[in-house]
Amino acid sequence: MIRAENLRVPTLPERLHRGVLWVAVAAAAYILAFSLATANVGTEIGNWPSTWELAIHQPIDVAFEWIADTFAWFFNPISKILDAGLAGIDAFLLWLPWPCAVVGTALLGFRLGGRWLGLFCGVSTLFLGMIGFWDSAMRTLSVVGVSVIIAVGLGVPVGICAAFSDRFERIVRPVLDTMQVLPAFVYLIPALVLFGVSGTQGIFLTVVYSIPPVIRLTNLGIRQVPQAVIETAHSHGSTTIQTLMQVQLPLAKSSIMMGVNQTIMMAVSMIIITALVGVQGLGTDVWLSLREVDAGEGLESGIAIVILAIILDRFSYAMATSGPNSAAPVPIAAAGDPRASGQGLPNHTKRYALYIAGAASMVSLLIVGVFVQPLRDFPDALTFTMAGPVNAMFDWMAVNLHFITSWIRDILFRQLGYSPIHTLLLWLPWPAFMVIAAALAYLTAGWRVALLAVVGLAFAGIGGLWDVTMDTLSQVLTAGVFTVVVGIAIGVLASQSRAFELALRPILDTMQTMPIFVYLIPVIMLWGIGPLVGIIATSVYALPPVIRMTTLGIKEVPSQVIETAQSHGSTGIQTMLQVKIPLAFPTIMMGVNQTIIMVLAMVIIAGLVGGGGLGQEVFINSIWLRMGHGLVAGMTIVFMAMALDRMTQGNRKSSIPLSAVR
């Protein structure tokens, strides 16, 4: 129990002196950077020596060409089989009368989560057709469905093997880390080399990107089964296989299904990437909107992706939470109870009456839909569009708010943000920058992260990507600093106003579920193209985590601590700066960590609109099928992401959780 009389209010020198020191160092570095940018100093002094660059991309290119030629007999049949299966599922879903799909989705939702989930899923499916994306949604569903089945079919056995072997788990873990951090565009190159432009390539990309969660959570779920239960099964004569199938997997069902849920969500997030290799669906609609800079069409297709993702998320989450652990115990019928003599069987039939009626209605709709054209294809009379008003709104903003948008782009992001940081990073001699990076990593996260930072920078230099890496890092830092400052400010306001928090919540939900590419369209309409556009889109995309975690951390500060501070005469501002924020600092840093990871996820996307840096390097090399160059650029992003992730996590041992305040 927390006792207010035992609490001592942390003062600014005690809790924030290190923070003040870091702020002073950052301010001095920024002043130097701004002065260098204003003076237009040369940046040649900081270049990595060209004589130290190695052609490490060449053996990678040779290896993949050899694999493609040698194992064509293996990959070509797989491609044909998957293409045929995908085409068959596409044809079936497009042939299926739309009322059957709506009713079937509603019944499945009712079966898994009750009437409200059934109603929500049925209405949401109907809305997909009403905004004109029925056929695209069906094609997307077929790709996601096949990919998830393959990912689960491969991931669960791998997770089981990892649960039974610590050595195998140690081998698999770094592979999964790399798969989750490596930009999805890097996978385009081997997929094109091995499978060509086809639906199989899209399935390959989706499976590779989405398989880690089901492997991790299968491993975790089986390892969390109590050892006493396993020993009891063995003592009753169960073999290892019997124990796995009859004890461990059923008890780990919730964890495994949660992994399936995450795999489904990651598979949905890949549908725009797979559209680059010819996979039809909602991703293609987003790409067309981006190419035509049509914000209205892009918003509609983004909403369609969000709706499909929410439906699949609710289904998989309901399956994950309906395991044996959550089931209510079945009462034993007492003597004289009608259920004991079988007189209650009609009630059992009544329980399934709704399902029988639903199945009958679906069969009826299927038969009628085959012969009635309006029930076969979604009728145009029921569709509507929001594209016109949305485009008109952005056109008005581009003309009438130009004085604001131009100031944000040219002054706030370019002159005060990107230009000084970019100049400083390129001006610093590379040895000095490596020393500074290692020192920062050591002070924030220890010597292992310092070594990781040095190795990552050396890899970028040896690979001939030093300048490109500095460009990307300057974009990441600009977007990250802006996002963190604005996000913490909004989070503080939300923590102090319940009404503001409630109004902000649906906005944050939409921002977190909207596909990344959709952000580019309105940003391009308002700001054009270039690196600053990528920075602005990145800042908007990465805001939600730091806002949510700041709000959560401040609201979790014990009320006794706040009352003690106020009883000592602290004002509202003093309590916020000296009590709430210091105690919420670990939670806030978790939000900063997630924000930095989301900023890095946008590096590739920014490269599509002229953002330059490593993202553009990966994208161009994926188009030209240069696996070596693309992999080197992708691994450089991986090193950057891992180092920044560890640095923003910091030394967890030194942080004081709120639960430790007694």
Foldseek 3Di string as FASTA:
>chain_A
DFDLVPDDFFFCCRQCVVVVVVVVVVVVLLVVLLVCLVVVDDLPQAAQDPVLADQQLVVVLVVLLCCQVVCLVPLAVVLVVVQVVLVVQLVVQLQFFLVLVLLVLLVLLCVLPRNVRSVLRSVLLVVCVQAPANSQASLLVSLLVVLLVVLLVPQLVLLVVVLVDVVSVVVVVVVLLLLQQFFLLLLLLSLCSRNNQGSVSLSVSLSSNLNSLLSVLSSVQLNPQDPVVLVVCVVVPDDPVRCVVPPRCLSSQLSNLVSSLSSSLSSLLCPLVSVVSPRGHLNVQLVVCQVVLQLFSNVSSLVSSLSSNVSSNSSSNSSSCPGPVNDDDDDDDDPPRCVVVVNCVVVVVVVCPVVVVSVVVSVVLRVVLSPDPCRRHPDPVSHDGPRVVVVVVLVCCQPVVLVVLVCCLPPVPPSSALSSQLSSLSNDHNVVVLVVLLVLLCQFFRNVLSVLSNVLQSLCSNNVNNSLQSNLVSLLVRLLVVLLVVLLVLLVVCLVDVVSVVVCVVVLVSLQSGRLSSLLSSLCSRPNFEQSSLSVSLSSSLNNLLSVLSSVQLNPQDPSSLVSCVVVPDDPVSCVVRPRCSQSVLSNLVSSLSSSSSSLNSSLVSLVRHSGGLNVQLNVCSVVSSSSSNVSSSVSSSSVSVSSNSSSNGDVVPRDHSVNND
